[in-house]
Amino acid sequence: MDVVCAGECIVDLIPIDRSVYKACFGGAPMNTAIACSKLGLKTGVIACIGRDPLGSFLADTLRYNSVDVSRIRRSSYRTTLSVVIKLPGGDVDYIFYRRPWSLSADTEYIMDEGDVDYLSRARLLHISGFAFSQNPAREEYRKLGS
């Protein structure tokens, strides 16, 4: 494995017009994983998604882009959402449906020995700062870096 990307694997709801949103693949480390794969690197991910259709959409997108998803956890919590809000003047803001406001899959990642073994075979680990924003995921991702 050349690169393992770890952290949030989420659905971004992007505004199309005033009342219509499009569900898009999201999460900085997952976008990085796809970019690395497109550059020809053998790439895998460590993340937690829901056992819901949105989680399946995320896993399918990674698979379609030749990213190994064998270390993705499927949680009983729903897949995390990010709603992008267009502000006057062209700026954007984000509303996240995750801790501390609601429980969702990306913050509930729990490491196991398989993750440590998987990572030990990688040349590079990429983790986003956002992944460290909430426990229990924060403490689990810290273990990956040591």
C-alpha atoms as a PDB file:
ATOM      1  CA  MET A   1       0.000   0.000   0.000  1.00  0.00           C
ATOM      2  CA  ASP A   2       1.403   3.396  -0.980  1.00  0.00           C
ATOM      3  CA  VAL A   3      -1.057   5.636   0.862  1.00  0.00           C
ATOM      4  CA  VAL A   4      -3.672   5.114   3.565  1.00  0.00           C
ATOM      5  CA  CYS A   5      -6.074   8.007   4.133  1.00  0.00           C
ATOM      6  CA  ALA A   6      -7.952   8.057   7.443  1.00  0.00           C
ATOM      7  CA  GLY A   7     -10.760  10.221   8.759  1.00  0.00           C
ATOM      8  CA  GLU A   8     -14.125  11.552   7.763  1.00  0.00           C
ATOM      9  CA  CYS A   9     -16.006   9.937   4.928  1.00  0.00           C
ATOM     10  CA  ILE A  10     -19.142  12.068   4.634  1.00  0.00           C
ATOM     11  CA  VAL A  11     -21.859  13.196   2.268  1.00  0.00           C
ATOM     12  CA  ASP A  12     -21.798  16.862   1.287  1.00  0.00           C
ATOM     13  CA  LEU A  13     -25.176  18.340   0.413  1.00  0.00           C
ATOM     14  CA  ILE A  14     -24.390  21.018  -2.170  1.00  0.00           C
ATOM     15  CA  PRO A  15     -27.003  23.656  -3.101  1.00  0.00           C
ATOM     16  CA  ILE A  16     -28.109  23.539  -6.714  1.00  0.00           C
ATOM     17  CA  ASP A  17     -30.604  26.358  -6.286  1.00  0.00           C
ATOM     18  CA  ARG A  18     -32.567  27.882  -3.390  1.00  0.00           C
ATOM     19  CA  SER A  19     -34.396  24.667  -2.481  1.00  0.00           C
ATOM     20  CA  VAL A  20     -32.569  21.795  -4.222  1.00  0.00           C
ATOM     21  CA  TYR A  21     -29.434  20.105  -2.885  1.00  0.00           C
ATOM     22  CA  LYS A  22     -27.267  17.453  -4.502  1.00  0.00           C
ATOM     23  CA  ALA A  23     -25.671  14.660  -2.432  1.00  0.00           C
ATOM     24  CA  CYS A  24     -21.941  14.567  -3.220  1.00  0.00           C
ATOM     25  CA  PHE A  25     -19.018  12.451  -2.083  1.00  0.00           C
ATOM     26  CA  GLY A  26     -17.059  14.245   0.629  1.00  0.00           C
ATOM     27  CA  GLY A  27     -14.444  14.250   3.327  1.00  0.00           C
ATOM     28  CA  ALA A  28     -10.978  15.702   2.743  1.00  0.00           C
ATOM     29  CA  PRO A  29      -9.054  12.459   3.389  1.00  0.00           C
ATOM     30  CA  MET A  30     -11.386  10.519   1.100  1.00  0.00           C
ATOM     31  CA  ASN A  31     -10.996  13.079  -1.697  1.00  0.00           C
ATOM     32  CA  THR A  32      -7.235  12.755  -1.189  1.00  0.00           C
ATOM     33  CA  ALA A  33      -7.536   8.959  -1.457  1.00  0.00           C
ATOM     34  CA  ILE A  34      -9.288   9.225  -4.815  1.00  0.00           C
ATOM     35  CA  ALA A  35      -6.711  11.740  -6.076  1.00  0.00           C
ATOM     36  CA  CYS A  36      -3.848   9.434  -5.011  1.00  0.00           C
ATOM     37  CA  SER A  37      -5.501   6.483  -6.723  1.00  0.00           C
ATOM     38  CA  LYS A  38      -5.950   8.492  -9.929  1.00  0.00           C
ATOM     39  CA  LEU A  39      -2.215   9.265  -9.779  1.00  0.00           C
ATOM     40  CA  GLY A  40      -1.547   5.529  -9.884  1.00  0.00           C
ATOM     41  CA  LEU A  41      -0.785   5.002  -6.191  1.00  0.00           C
ATOM     42  CA  LYS A  42      -2.105   1.923  -4.404  1.00  0.00           C
ATOM     43  CA  THR A  43      -4.476   3.603  -1.950  1.00  0.00           C
ATOM     44  CA  GLY A  44      -6.680   2.513   0.918  1.00  0.00           C
ATOM     45  CA  VAL A  45      -8.832   4.174   3.558  1.00  0.00           C
ATOM     46  CA  ILE A  46      -9.656   3.803   7.228  1.00  0.00           C
ATOM     47  CA  ALA A  47     -13.014   5.356   8.118  1.00  0.00           C
ATOM     48  CA  CYS A  48     -16.449   4.779   9.615  1.00  0.00           C
ATOM     49  CA  ILE A  49     -19.689   5.164   7.626  1.00  0.00           C
ATOM     50  CA  GLY A  50     -23.301   4.259   8.287  1.00  0.00           C
ATOM     51  CA  ARG A  51     -25.102   1.078   7.275  1.00  0.00           C
ATOM     52  CA  ASP A  52     -27.416   3.210   5.194  1.00  0.00           C
ATOM     53  CA  PRO A  53     -27.754   4.065   1.494  1.00  0.00           C
ATOM     54  CA  LEU A  54     -25.541   7.141   1.928  1.00  0.00           C
ATOM     55  CA  GLY A  55     -22.772   5.005   3.402  1.00  0.00           C
ATOM     56  CA  SER A  56     -23.119   2.606   0.480  1.00  0.00           C
ATOM     57  CA  PHE A  57     -22.877   5.549  -1.936  1.00  0.00           C
ATOM     58  CA  LEU A  58     -19.576   6.583  -0.299  1.00  0.00           C
ATOM     59  CA  ALA A  59     -18.075   3.081  -0.303  1.00  0.00           C
ATOM     60  CA  ASP A  60     -19.185   2.508  -3.913  1.00  0.00           C
ATOM     61  CA  THR A  61     -17.573   5.797  -4.993  1.00  0.00           C
ATOM     62  CA  LEU A  62     -14.271   4.795  -3.405  1.00  0.00           C
ATOM     63  CA  ARG A  63     -14.411   1.327  -4.979  1.00  0.00           C
ATOM     64  CA  TYR A  64     -15.252   2.815  -8.388  1.00  0.00           C
ATOM     65  CA  ASN A  65     -12.088   4.916  -8.062  1.00  0.00           C
ATOM     66  CA  SER A  66      -9.924   1.860  -7.233  1.00  0.00           C
ATOM     67  CA  VAL A  67      -9.515   2.702  -3.536  1.00  0.00           C
ATOM     68  CA  ASP A  68      -9.328  -0.255  -1.134  1.00  0.00           C
ATOM     69  CA  VAL A  69     -12.268  -0.085   1.301  1.00  0.00           C
ATOM     70  CA  SER A  70     -11.507  -3.229   3.301  1.00  0.00           C
ATOM     71  CA  ARG A  71     -10.850  -1.181   6.480  1.00  0.00           C
ATOM     72  CA  ILE A  72     -14.051   0.871   6.379  1.00  0.00           C
ATOM     73  CA  ARG A  73     -16.339   0.263   9.357  1.00  0.00           C
ATOM     74  CA  ARG A  74     -20.099   0.190   8.881  1.00  0.00           C
ATOM     75  CA  SER A  75     -21.747   1.713  11.964  1.00  0.00           C
ATOM     76  CA  SER A  76     -25.297   1.535  13.248  1.00  0.00           C
ATOM     77  CA  TYR A  77     -25.128   5.346  13.369  1.00  0.00           C
ATOM     78  CA  ARG A  78     -26.113   7.235  10.240  1.00  0.00           C
ATOM     79  CA  THR A  79     -23.594   8.469   7.730  1.00  0.00           C
ATOM     80  CA  THR A  80     -22.385  11.962   8.570  1.00  0.00           C
ATOM     81  CA  LEU A  81     -23.775  14.881   6.564  1.00  0.00           C
ATOM     82  CA  SER A  82     -22.385  18.285   5.754  1.00  0.00           C
ATOM     83  CA  VAL A  83     -24.778  20.881   4.369  1.00  0.00           C
ATOM     84  CA  VAL A  84     -23.111  23.621   2.358  1.00  0.00           C
ATOM     85  CA  ILE A  85     -24.818  27.007   2.742  1.00  0.00           C
ATOM     86  CA  LYS A  86     -24.244  29.738   0.155  1.00  0.00           C
ATOM     87  CA  LEU A  87     -23.879  33.102   1.852  1.00  0.00           C
ATOM     88  CA  PRO A  88     -24.401  36.537   0.321  1.00  0.00           C
ATOM     89  CA  GLY A  89     -21.306  37.620  -1.565  1.00  0.00           C
ATOM     90  CA  GLY A  90     -20.383  34.099  -2.646  1.00  0.00           C
ATOM     91  CA  ASP A  91     -18.917  32.775   0.599  1.00  0.00           C
ATOM     92  CA  VAL A  92     -20.033  29.431   2.013  1.00  0.00           C
ATOM     93  CA  ASP A  93     -20.669  28.024   5.463  1.00  0.00           C
ATOM     94  CA  TYR A  94     -21.137  24.434   6.596  1.00  0.00           C
ATOM     95  CA  ILE A  95     -23.641  22.802   8.911  1.00  0.00           C
ATOM     96  CA  PHE A  96     -22.472  19.385  10.095  1.00  0.00           C
ATOM     97  CA  TYR A  97     -24.837  16.702  11.305  1.00  0.00           C
ATOM     98  CA  ARG A  98     -22.389  15.013  13.683  1.00  0.00           C
ATOM     99  CA  ARG A  99     -21.104  15.335  17.242  1.00  0.00           C
ATOM    100  CA  PRO A 100     -21.653  17.375  19.329  1.00  0.00           C
ATOM    101  CA  TRP A 101     -25.120  17.985  17.825  1.00  0.00           C
ATOM    102  CA  SER A 102     -26.007  14.445  16.838  1.00  0.00           C
ATOM    103  CA  LEU A 103     -24.365  11.050  16.741  1.00  0.00           C
ATOM    104  CA  SER A 104     -23.153   9.988  13.324  1.00  0.00           C
ATOM    105  CA  ALA A 105     -20.744   7.428  11.964  1.00  0.00           C
ATOM    106  CA  ASP A 106     -17.560   9.417  11.270  1.00  0.00           C
ATOM    107  CA  THR A 107     -16.946  10.301  14.937  1.00  0.00           C
ATOM    108  CA  GLU A 108     -17.573   6.742  16.131  1.00  0.00           C
ATOM    109  CA  TYR A 109     -14.514   5.086  14.570  1.00  0.00           C
ATOM    110  CA  ILE A 110     -12.902   2.463  16.842  1.00  0.00           C
ATOM    111  CA  MET A 111      -9.554   1.003  15.807  1.00  0.00           C
ATOM    112  CA  ASP A 112      -8.773  -2.705  15.806  1.00  0.00           C
ATOM    113  CA  GLU A 113      -5.595  -4.739  15.286  1.00  0.00           C
ATOM    114  CA  GLY A 114      -6.398  -5.115  11.608  1.00  0.00           C
ATOM    115  CA  ASP A 115      -6.100  -1.348  11.167  1.00  0.00           C
ATOM    116  CA  VAL A 116      -2.660  -1.325  12.786  1.00  0.00           C
ATOM    117  CA  ASP A 117      -1.495  -4.176  10.554  1.00  0.00           C
ATOM    118  CA  TYR A 118      -2.984  -2.503   7.463  1.00  0.00           C
ATOM    119  CA  LEU A 119      -1.263   0.772   8.263  1.00  0.00           C
ATOM    120  CA  SER A 120       2.087  -0.892   8.980  1.00  0.00           C
ATOM    121  CA  ARG A 121       2.185  -1.946   5.312  1.00  0.00           C
ATOM    122  CA  ALA A 122       1.623   1.607   4.033  1.00  0.00           C
ATOM    123  CA  ARG A 123       4.344   4.019   3.011  1.00  0.00           C
ATOM    124  CA  LEU A 124       2.305   7.104   3.972  1.00  0.00           C
ATOM    125  CA  LEU A 125      -0.587   7.908   6.313  1.00  0.00           C
ATOM    126  CA  HIS A 126      -2.795  10.943   5.639  1.00  0.00           C
ATOM    127  CA  ILE A 127      -5.232  12.035   8.371  1.00  0.00           C
ATOM    128  CA  SER A 128      -7.234  15.252   8.277  1.00  0.00           C
ATOM    129  CA  GLY A 129      -7.425  17.590  11.261  1.00  0.00           C
ATOM    130  CA  PHE A 130     -11.220  17.350  11.199  1.00  0.00           C
ATOM    131  CA  ALA A 131     -10.948  13.683  12.199  1.00  0.00           C
ATOM    132  CA  PHE A 132      -9.470  14.796  15.537  1.00  0.00           C
ATOM    133  CA  SER A 133     -12.365  17.087  16.438  1.00  0.00           C
ATOM    134  CA  GLN A 134     -14.518  14.597  18.391  1.00  0.00           C
ATOM    135  CA  ASN A 135     -14.080  11.538  20.581  1.00  0.00           C
ATOM    136  CA  PRO A 136     -14.006   8.572  20.384  1.00  0.00           C
ATOM    137  CA  ALA A 137     -12.517   8.966  16.876  1.00  0.00           C
ATOM    138  CA  ARG A 138      -9.944  11.543  18.092  1.00  0.00           C
ATOM    139  CA  GLU A 139      -8.285   9.134  20.514  1.00  0.00           C
ATOM    140  CA  GLU A 140      -8.448   6.251  18.049  1.00  0.00           C
ATOM    141  CA  TYR A 141      -6.837   8.204  15.217  1.00  0.00           C
ATOM    142  CA  ARG A 142      -4.089   9.355  17.584  1.00  0.00           C
ATOM    143  CA  LYS A 143      -3.166   5.692  18.048  1.00  0.00           C
ATOM    144  CA  LEU A 144      -2.689   5.272  14.294  1.00  0.00           C
ATOM    145  CA  GLY A 145       0.037   7.911  14.231  1.00  0.00           C
ATOM    146  CA  SER A 146       2.122   6.310  16.965  1.00  0.00           C
END
